[in-house]
């Protein structure tokens, strides 16, 4: 019997069978990592009020510190993701955990604006690089039946981390001050780093497509650990992954570059424009309408609860009814809910109903859109494609709150020479439009099956 008849891609074997505990363990580790991401990214927001009082920071200075995390995330997504495709998912994830722990430690010991800014930048680099790699690893180790749900579980860990962060802030602020929030986060990453070093395997997709030195031996060690039959040789390299080529040189080939720039860049930037507008402006608008900071915090909490359920549900449905259908459903739902939020912003009871639905649409769309981007690239370019598209999304995430704030500012004063005045309802209607435009653009994205 010849090799053509006997050889079977081990990735197919692993994907077509039921997941075992070792595969679930890889996914669980990715979930824990993203949970820490959620904690770290909002650590300064939780500590901001106490920090401002202690250091006498202006709103502009605090806003700059908050933005340093986003800058770092853009740098991390752009810089670390090619590392994951060129040298492996495992080293990229370990590097990111190191950045997160070091960045949170710098923040904890900071004694002034610039040291804190550096700490938030370093933390953001780790989070940004992890955005594409943790979800990619979960996708690649899950079975065919569970891959979308596994990815959704990783994404849904983010709001869990934000809820944990709020609880930790309440627990430590009085006793340990704002530094305790950062020390706790640094400790989480530091504890998880050696666990990941011991437990986290390399991606089989990376090993079998990029084929670095020693790929066959490493692949067989992983296959033995995952209870998959070992192989005697590697499959043929993908045509666009030649010897000596790099992830960056391959991603700029026209077949990938056009997909990235003219579809995914635009789609994800529009998506994050609407996403970050409502996630940032929702709580303060609720607090303002109800004349209660507590009401804004309660609204934010219900958005997170809805996000956990919505993200996981979206992942399950992506695997049953399809990613494209879920992308359309969640993005249209997000646009409708942003519009409804503006119409009912003065109605506290209605807002508490809208809040979990908003969270479900936000994180449900995040899962569907992440999968749309991931499936647009072959395995050896998946992390790079996700990282580059995520960077474009960061542009939208920066301008969404800014444009929304400028439009909301017209409630008190007219905008420009035409003296336009816009209500909250009108502003939300305008800011919902990019979500629909994003869905129209995402709809044109190609789909490449994992492992192909």
Protein backbone atom coordinates (compact mmCIF):
# COMPACT_ATOMS: atom_id res chain seq x y z
CA UNK A 1 0.00 0.00 0.00
CA UNK A 2 1.53 3.36 -1.04
CA UNK A 3 2.08 6.54 0.94
CA UNK A 4 -0.77 8.26 -0.93
CA UNK A 5 -3.13 5.63 0.44
CA UNK A 6 -1.79 5.43 3.99
CA UNK A 7 -0.84 9.02 4.84
CA UNK A 8 -3.49 11.02 6.62
CA UNK A 9 -3.05 14.58 7.82
CA UNK A 10 -2.93 14.42 11.64
CA UNK A 11 -4.85 17.68 11.83
CA UNK A 12 -7.78 15.97 10.11
CA UNK A 13 -7.58 13.09 12.58
CA UNK A 14 -7.66 15.48 15.53
CA UNK A 15 -10.44 17.62 14.11
CA UNK A 16 -12.76 14.80 13.07
CA UNK A 17 -12.76 12.93 16.38
CA UNK A 18 -14.22 14.02 19.72
CA UNK A 19 -11.96 16.38 21.65
CA UNK A 20 -9.97 14.77 24.45
CA UNK A 21 -8.93 16.32 27.77
CA UNK A 22 -5.53 17.39 26.41
CA UNK A 23 -7.15 19.40 23.63
CA UNK A 24 -9.58 20.92 26.11
CA UNK A 25 -6.57 21.79 28.26
CA UNK A 26 -5.00 23.86 25.47
CA UNK A 27 -8.28 25.72 24.92
CA UNK A 28 -8.69 26.27 28.69
CA UNK A 29 -5.21 27.78 28.90
CA UNK A 30 -6.08 30.19 26.07
CA UNK A 31 -9.26 31.11 27.94
CA UNK A 32 -7.29 31.92 31.11
CA UNK A 33 -4.84 34.04 29.13
CA UNK A 34 -7.61 36.09 27.53
CA UNK A 35 -9.29 36.48 30.91
CA UNK A 36 -6.10 38.13 32.16
CA UNK A 37 -6.16 40.32 29.02
CA UNK A 38 -9.61 41.56 30.04
CA UNK A 39 -8.37 42.32 33.54
CA UNK A 40 -5.21 44.10 32.38
CA UNK A 41 -6.80 46.28 29.74
CA UNK A 42 -9.21 47.93 32.19
CA UNK A 43 -6.84 48.01 35.19
CA UNK A 44 -6.10 51.72 34.76
CA UNK A 45 -9.79 52.53 34.31
CA UNK A 46 -10.44 50.84 37.68
CA UNK A 47 -7.53 52.69 39.30
CA UNK A 48 -8.00 55.98 37.44
CA UNK A 49 -10.02 57.91 40.01
CA UNK A 50 -7.67 57.12 42.92
CA UNK A 51 -4.60 57.70 40.74
CA UNK A 52 -5.87 61.09 39.57
CA UNK A 53 -6.46 62.24 43.15
CA UNK A 54 -3.03 61.10 44.32
CA UNK A 55 -1.08 62.56 41.41
CA UNK A 56 -3.36 65.51 40.66
CA UNK A 57 -3.87 64.42 37.05
CA UNK A 58 -6.06 66.43 34.71
CA UNK A 59 -8.72 64.70 32.61
CA UNK A 60 -6.50 65.17 29.56
CA UNK A 61 -3.52 63.50 31.28
CA UNK A 62 -5.64 60.57 32.45
CA UNK A 63 -7.11 60.26 28.95
CA UNK A 64 -3.58 60.10 27.51
CA UNK A 65 -2.63 57.33 29.94
CA UNK A 66 -5.77 55.40 29.03
CA UNK A 67 -4.93 55.73 25.33
CA UNK A 68 -1.40 54.35 25.80
CA UNK A 69 -2.90 50.90 26.23
CA UNK A 70 -4.60 51.19 22.82
CA UNK A 71 -1.37 52.39 21.22
CA UNK A 72 0.46 49.42 22.72
CA UNK A 73 -2.22 47.03 21.51
CA UNK A 74 -1.85 48.34 17.97
CA UNK A 75 1.94 47.90 18.16
CA UNK A 76 1.55 44.40 19.59
CA UNK A 77 -0.98 43.29 17.01
CA UNK A 78 1.20 44.60 14.19
CA UNK A 79 4.55 43.49 15.56
CA UNK A 80 3.93 40.23 17.44
CA UNK A 81 1.47 38.55 15.05
CA UNK A 82 4.06 37.97 12.30
CA UNK A 83 6.25 36.36 14.98
CA UNK A 84 3.46 33.84 15.59
CA UNK A 85 3.36 32.92 11.90
CA UNK A 86 7.13 33.01 11.35
CA UNK A 87 8.54 31.42 14.53
CA UNK A 88 5.50 29.86 16.16
CA UNK A 89 2.36 30.52 18.20
CA UNK A 90 3.93 29.20 21.40
CA UNK A 91 6.91 31.62 21.60
CA UNK A 92 4.66 34.53 20.61
CA UNK A 93 2.21 33.74 23.43
CA UNK A 94 4.99 33.32 26.00
CA UNK A 95 6.53 36.64 24.92
CA UNK A 96 3.15 38.34 25.25
CA UNK A 97 2.61 36.96 28.76
CA UNK A 98 6.03 38.32 29.68
CA UNK A 99 5.15 41.76 28.30
CA UNK A 100 1.88 41.75 30.25
CA UNK A 101 3.53 40.83 33.54
CA UNK A 102 6.39 43.33 33.13
CA UNK A 103 4.03 46.10 32.00
CA UNK A 104 1.69 45.63 34.96
CA UNK A 105 4.70 45.58 37.33
CA UNK A 106 6.02 48.84 35.86
CA UNK A 107 2.58 50.37 36.36
CA UNK A 108 2.46 49.15 39.97
CA UNK A 109 5.80 50.78 40.91
CA UNK A 110 5.36 53.92 38.80
CA UNK A 111 5.84 57.23 40.54
CA UNK A 112 4.81 59.59 37.77
CA UNK A 113 3.04 60.11 34.47
CA UNK A 114 5.79 58.93 32.11
CA UNK A 115 6.60 55.70 33.95
CA UNK A 116 2.89 54.83 34.08
CA UNK A 117 2.60 55.61 30.36
CA UNK A 118 5.50 53.23 29.67
CA UNK A 119 3.89 50.54 31.79
CA UNK A 120 0.58 50.82 29.96
CA UNK A 121 2.35 50.78 26.58
CA UNK A 122 4.24 47.58 27.44
CA UNK A 123 1.08 45.95 28.80
CA UNK A 124 -0.78 46.91 25.64
CA UNK A 125 1.89 45.32 23.44
CA UNK A 126 1.36 42.02 25.23
CA UNK A 127 -2.42 42.24 25.00
CA UNK A 128 -2.35 43.26 21.33
CA UNK A 129 -0.10 40.37 20.36
CA UNK A 130 -2.25 37.93 22.30
CA UNK A 131 -5.43 39.08 20.51
CA UNK A 132 -4.62 37.05 17.41
CA UNK A 133 -2.50 34.25 18.88
CA UNK A 134 -4.65 32.92 21.78
CA UNK A 135 -7.79 32.60 19.68
CA UNK A 136 -5.80 31.10 16.81
CA UNK A 137 -4.31 28.43 19.07
CA UNK A 138 -7.76 27.49 20.41
CA UNK A 139 -9.15 27.33 16.87
CA UNK A 140 -6.34 25.05 15.74
CA UNK A 141 -6.55 22.57 18.64
CA UNK A 142 -10.34 22.27 18.71
CA UNK A 143 -12.31 19.66 16.77
CA UNK A 144 -14.22 20.52 13.62
CA UNK A 145 -17.45 20.51 15.61
CA UNK A 146 -16.15 22.68 18.46
CA UNK A 147 -13.69 25.06 16.77
CA UNK A 148 -16.03 28.08 16.56
CA UNK A 149 -17.28 27.50 20.10
CA UNK A 150 -13.71 27.15 21.41
CA UNK A 151 -12.77 30.47 19.83
CA UNK A 152 -15.91 32.09 21.24
CA UNK A 153 -15.09 30.82 24.72
CA UNK A 154 -11.67 32.47 24.48
CA UNK A 155 -13.26 35.75 23.34
CA UNK A 156 -15.93 35.56 26.08
CA UNK A 157 -13.22 35.29 28.72
CA UNK A 158 -12.45 38.98 28.10
CA UNK A 159 -15.61 40.34 29.81
CA UNK A 160 -15.10 37.79 32.61
CA UNK A 161 -11.71 39.42 33.18
CA UNK A 162 -13.29 42.88 33.33
CA UNK A 163 -15.82 41.66 35.93
CA UNK A 164 -12.99 40.14 37.99
CA UNK A 165 -11.11 43.43 37.67
CA UNK A 166 -14.04 45.40 39.08
CA UNK A 167 -14.32 42.96 42.01
CA UNK A 168 -10.57 43.15 42.72
CA UNK A 169 -10.67 46.95 42.61
CA UNK A 170 -13.42 47.02 45.27
CA UNK A 171 -11.45 44.56 47.41
CA UNK A 172 -7.98 46.14 47.27
CA UNK A 173 -8.43 49.90 46.81
CA UNK A 174 -9.15 50.67 50.47
CA UNK A 175 -6.40 48.41 51.87
CA UNK A 176 -3.65 48.52 49.24
CA UNK A 177 -4.52 51.51 47.07
CA UNK A 178 -4.45 51.64 43.28
CA UNK A 179 -1.09 49.85 43.13
CA UNK A 180 -2.75 46.69 44.42
CA UNK A 181 -4.83 46.48 41.23
CA UNK A 182 -1.68 46.38 39.08
CA UNK A 183 0.22 44.02 41.38
CA UNK A 184 -2.66 41.56 41.25
CA UNK A 185 -2.66 41.64 37.45
CA UNK A 186 1.13 41.27 37.28
CA UNK A 187 0.88 38.28 39.60
CA UNK A 188 -1.74 36.58 37.43
CA UNK A 189 0.49 36.79 34.34
CA UNK A 190 3.58 35.74 36.30
CA UNK A 191 1.82 32.64 37.64
CA UNK A 192 0.42 31.69 34.24
CA UNK A 193 3.75 32.10 32.38
CA UNK A 194 5.50 28.96 33.75
CA UNK A 195 2.26 26.98 33.42
CA UNK A 196 2.04 27.99 29.75
CA UNK A 197 5.77 27.22 29.27
CA UNK A 198 5.23 23.67 30.52
CA UNK A 199 1.79 22.90 29.10
CA UNK A 200 1.33 24.94 25.93
CA UNK A 201 2.28 23.01 22.76
CA UNK A 202 3.22 24.50 19.41
CA UNK A 203 0.48 24.81 16.79
CA UNK A 204 0.27 21.82 14.43
CA UNK A 205 -0.90 24.15 11.66
CA UNK A 206 2.27 26.18 12.13
CA UNK A 207 4.55 23.12 12.19
CA UNK A 208 3.02 21.44 9.15
CA UNK A 209 2.75 24.53 6.95
CA UNK A 210 5.81 26.62 7.95
CA UNK A 211 7.93 23.50 8.64
CA UNK A 212 10.76 24.99 10.74
CA UNK A 213 13.89 23.00 11.60
CA UNK A 214 12.98 19.88 13.59
CA UNK A 215 9.30 20.19 12.63
CA UNK A 216 8.81 16.43 12.14
CA UNK A 217 10.21 15.52 15.57
CA UNK A 218 8.27 18.29 17.32
CA UNK A 219 5.09 17.34 15.48
CA UNK A 220 5.38 13.71 16.54
CA UNK A 221 5.98 14.64 20.18
CA UNK A 222 2.78 16.69 20.12
CA UNK A 223 0.84 13.97 18.29
CA UNK A 224 1.92 11.43 20.89
CA UNK A 225 0.78 13.76 23.66
CA UNK A 226 -2.56 14.37 21.93
CA UNK A 227 -3.09 10.63 21.28
CA UNK A 228 -2.92 11.04 17.49
CA UNK A 229 -1.00 8.57 15.25
CA UNK A 230 2.49 9.85 14.45
CA UNK A 231 3.67 10.58 10.88
CA UNK A 232 6.77 9.55 8.98
CA UNK A 233 7.04 12.68 6.82
CA UNK A 234 5.70 16.21 6.53
CA UNK A 235 3.07 17.16 3.96
CA UNK A 236 4.06 19.37 0.98
CA UNK A 237 4.59 23.04 1.83
CA UNK A 238 1.87 25.49 0.73
CA UNK A 239 2.76 27.05 -2.64
CA UNK A 240 3.09 30.56 -1.20
CA UNK A 241 5.27 29.42 1.73
CA UNK A 242 8.58 28.78 0.06
CA UNK A 243 11.96 28.19 1.68
CA UNK A 244 13.35 31.40 3.11
CA UNK A 245 10.10 33.35 2.71
CA UNK A 246 8.66 35.31 5.63
CA UNK A 247 5.15 35.95 6.85
CA UNK A 248 5.53 39.63 5.95
CA UNK A 249 6.73 38.92 2.41
CA UNK A 250 3.88 36.45 1.88
CA UNK A 251 1.08 38.63 3.29
CA UNK A 252 1.90 41.42 0.81
CA UNK A 253 1.41 39.15 -2.19
CA UNK A 254 -1.56 40.48 -4.23
CA UNK A 255 -3.80 37.49 -3.45
CA UNK A 256 -3.53 38.22 0.30
CA UNK A 257 -2.83 41.96 0.24
CA UNK A 258 -5.99 42.83 -1.67
CA UNK A 259 -8.10 40.74 0.69
CA UNK A 260 -6.51 42.42 3.68
CA UNK A 261 -6.55 46.05 2.58
CA UNK A 262 -9.72 46.37 0.53
CA UNK A 263 -11.98 44.15 2.61
CA UNK A 264 -10.80 43.28 6.10
CA UNK A 265 -9.05 46.58 6.95
CA UNK A 266 -12.12 48.59 6.02
CA UNK A 267 -14.62 46.15 7.53
CA UNK A 268 -12.88 45.84 10.89
CA UNK A 269 -12.17 49.57 11.19
CA UNK A 270 -15.89 50.31 10.63
CA UNK A 271 -16.84 47.57 13.08
CA UNK A 272 -14.58 48.92 15.84
CA UNK A 273 -15.73 52.48 15.11
CA UNK A 274 -19.30 51.57 16.13
CA UNK A 275 -18.17 49.06 18.79
CA UNK A 276 -15.98 51.43 20.76
CA UNK A 277 -18.41 54.32 20.44
CA UNK A 278 -21.16 52.51 22.33
CA UNK A 279 -18.87 50.63 24.75
CA UNK A 280 -17.22 53.92 25.81
CA UNK A 281 -20.14 56.34 25.67
CA UNK A 282 -22.89 53.99 26.88
CA UNK A 283 -22.11 54.08 30.64
CA UNK A 284 -21.58 57.87 30.94
CA UNK A 285 -24.73 58.60 28.91
CA UNK A 286 -26.72 56.28 31.17
CA UNK A 287 -25.20 57.86 34.28
CA UNK A 288 -25.95 61.34 32.94
CA UNK A 289 -29.55 60.49 32.05
CA UNK A 290 -30.19 58.90 35.46
CA UNK A 291 -28.06 61.40 37.39
CA UNK A 292 -26.31 58.43 39.02
CA UNK A 293 -22.78 57.04 38.57
CA UNK A 294 -24.04 53.80 40.11
CA UNK A 295 -26.60 53.45 37.33
CA UNK A 296 -23.86 53.76 34.70
CA UNK A 297 -21.79 51.12 36.48
CA UNK A 298 -24.81 48.79 36.70
CA UNK A 299 -25.47 49.24 32.99
CA UNK A 300 -21.81 48.44 32.23
CA UNK A 301 -21.95 45.29 34.37
CA UNK A 302 -25.05 44.03 32.54
CA UNK A 303 -23.32 44.66 29.21
CA UNK A 304 -20.47 42.41 30.40
CA UNK A 305 -22.88 39.67 31.56
CA UNK A 306 -24.66 39.79 28.21
CA UNK A 307 -21.30 39.72 26.45
CA UNK A 308 -20.29 36.45 28.10
CA UNK A 309 -23.51 34.70 27.10
CA UNK A 310 -23.70 36.35 23.68
CA UNK A 311 -20.10 35.59 22.75
CA UNK A 312 -20.38 31.90 23.59
CA UNK A 313 -23.80 31.59 21.95
CA UNK A 314 -22.47 33.25 18.81
CA UNK A 315 -19.58 30.79 18.68
CA UNK A 316 -21.92 27.82 19.00
CA UNK A 317 -24.23 29.17 16.28
CA UNK A 318 -21.28 29.99 14.01
CA UNK A 319 -20.57 26.27 14.02
CA UNK A 320 -24.17 25.30 13.27
CA UNK A 321 -25.73 27.93 10.99
CA UNK A 322 -22.48 29.41 9.65
CA UNK A 323 -20.11 32.30 10.35
CA UNK A 324 -21.46 34.58 7.62
CA UNK A 325 -25.07 34.31 8.82
CA UNK A 326 -24.00 35.05 12.41
CA UNK A 327 -21.89 37.98 11.22
CA UNK A 328 -24.96 39.49 9.55
CA UNK A 329 -27.27 38.76 12.48
CA UNK A 330 -24.96 40.17 15.16
CA UNK A 331 -23.91 43.26 13.19
CA UNK A 332 -27.48 44.19 12.25
CA UNK A 333 -28.52 43.55 15.86
CA UNK A 334 -25.72 45.82 17.06
CA UNK A 335 -26.84 48.61 14.72
CA UNK A 336 -30.47 48.26 15.86
CA UNK A 337 -29.51 48.24 19.55
CA UNK A 338 -27.25 51.31 19.23
CA UNK A 339 -30.20 53.10 17.61
CA UNK A 340 -32.63 51.91 20.31
CA UNK A 341 -30.17 52.97 23.03
CA UNK A 342 -30.34 56.53 21.71
CA UNK A 343 -34.15 56.48 21.64
CA UNK A 344 -34.51 55.14 25.21
CA UNK A 345 -31.52 56.81 26.88
CA UNK A 346 -33.83 58.56 29.38
CA UNK A 347 -35.75 55.40 30.27
CA UNK A 348 -33.88 53.52 33.01
CA UNK A 349 -36.02 50.37 32.83
CA UNK A 350 -35.61 50.10 29.05
CA UNK A 351 -31.83 50.62 29.33
CA UNK A 352 -31.48 47.72 31.77
CA UNK A 353 -33.22 45.51 29.21
CA UNK A 354 -31.08 46.84 26.36
CA UNK A 355 -27.79 46.43 28.31
CA UNK A 356 -27.41 42.61 28.21
CA UNK A 357 -28.72 42.53 24.63
CA UNK A 358 -26.12 45.15 23.72
CA UNK A 359 -23.38 43.08 25.36
CA UNK A 360 -24.54 39.98 23.49
CA UNK A 361 -24.47 41.83 20.15
CA UNK A 362 -21.09 43.42 20.88
CA UNK A 363 -19.26 40.25 21.84
CA UNK A 364 -21.29 38.05 19.50
CA UNK A 365 -20.25 40.24 16.58
CA UNK A 366 -16.65 40.25 17.84
CA UNK A 367 -16.60 36.43 17.67
CA UNK A 368 -18.22 36.25 14.22
CA UNK A 369 -15.95 38.95 12.80
CA UNK A 370 -12.80 37.41 14.32
CA UNK A 371 -13.70 34.10 12.68
CA UNK A 372 -14.42 35.86 9.37
CA UNK A 373 -10.90 37.32 9.43
CA UNK A 374 -9.27 34.08 10.62
CA UNK A 375 -10.92 32.03 7.87
CA UNK A 376 -9.80 34.51 5.19
CA UNK A 377 -6.17 33.32 5.49
CA UNK A 378 -4.30 30.01 5.21
CA UNK A 379 -2.81 28.65 8.48
CA UNK A 380 0.72 29.97 7.91
CA UNK A 381 -0.61 33.56 7.57
CA UNK A 382 -3.59 33.46 9.91
CA UNK A 383 -2.00 35.23 12.89
CA UNK A 384 -0.40 37.88 10.64
CA UNK A 385 -3.70 38.55 8.86
CA UNK A 386 -5.52 38.80 12.19
CA UNK A 387 -2.84 41.07 13.61
CA UNK A 388 -2.88 43.46 10.66
CA UNK A 389 -6.69 43.57 10.54
CA UNK A 390 -6.76 44.14 14.31
CA UNK A 391 -4.43 47.10 13.89
CA UNK A 392 -6.84 48.60 11.36
CA UNK A 393 -9.58 47.99 13.91
CA UNK A 394 -7.62 49.99 16.47
CA UNK A 395 -7.84 53.01 14.17
CA UNK A 396 -11.61 52.68 14.23
CA UNK A 397 -11.57 52.15 17.99
CA UNK A 398 -9.74 55.45 18.46
CA UNK A 399 -11.95 57.54 16.17
CA UNK A 400 -15.31 56.04 17.17
CA UNK A 401 -15.37 57.61 20.66
CA UNK A 402 -13.84 60.85 19.36
CA UNK A 403 -16.39 61.34 16.55
CA UNK A 404 -19.21 60.25 18.84
CA UNK A 405 -18.08 62.73 21.49
CA UNK A 406 -17.92 65.54 18.93
CA UNK A 407 -21.44 64.80 17.72
CA UNK A 408 -22.76 64.51 21.28
CA UNK A 409 -21.17 67.87 22.00
CA UNK A 410 -23.59 69.50 19.57
CA UNK A 411 -26.35 69.06 22.17
CA UNK A 412 -25.00 72.14 23.90
CA UNK A 413 -23.60 74.02 20.91
CA UNK A 414 -24.22 73.91 17.18
CA UNK A 415 -21.71 72.17 14.95
CA UNK A 416 -19.84 74.39 12.52
CA UNK A 417 -21.24 77.23 10.39
CA UNK A 418 -24.60 75.47 9.89
CA UNK A 419 -25.18 75.47 13.66
CA UNK A 420 -26.41 71.83 13.65
CA UNK A 421 -27.79 70.46 16.89
CA UNK A 422 -28.12 66.68 17.28
CA UNK A 423 -29.99 64.77 19.95
CA UNK A 424 -28.56 61.63 21.56
CA UNK A 425 -31.03 59.59 19.50
CA UNK A 426 -29.82 61.14 16.25
CA UNK A 427 -26.16 60.69 17.17
CA UNK A 428 -26.73 57.00 17.94
CA UNK A 429 -28.56 56.53 14.65
CA UNK A 430 -25.60 58.04 12.78
CA UNK A 431 -23.06 55.98 14.75
CA UNK A 432 -24.97 52.76 14.01
CA UNK A 433 -24.48 53.15 10.25
CA UNK A 434 -20.81 51.95 10.27
CA UNK A 435 -21.96 48.61 11.73
CA UNK A 436 -24.10 47.98 8.63
CA UNK A 437 -21.31 49.15 6.31
CA UNK A 438 -18.94 46.79 8.12
CA UNK A 439 -21.29 43.83 7.56
CA UNK A 440 -21.55 44.66 3.85
CA UNK A 441 -17.76 44.70 3.56
CA UNK A 442 -17.17 41.58 5.68
CA UNK A 443 -19.68 39.79 3.46
CA UNK A 444 -17.17 39.96 0.58
CA UNK A 445 -14.38 38.22 2.53
CA UNK A 446 -13.16 34.85 1.26
CA UNK A 447 -13.18 31.67 3.37
CA UNK A 448 -10.31 29.18 3.61
CA UNK A 449 -10.94 26.10 5.73
CA UNK A 450 -8.50 25.67 8.67
CA UNK A 451 -5.67 23.31 7.71
CA UNK A 452 -6.07 23.97 3.98
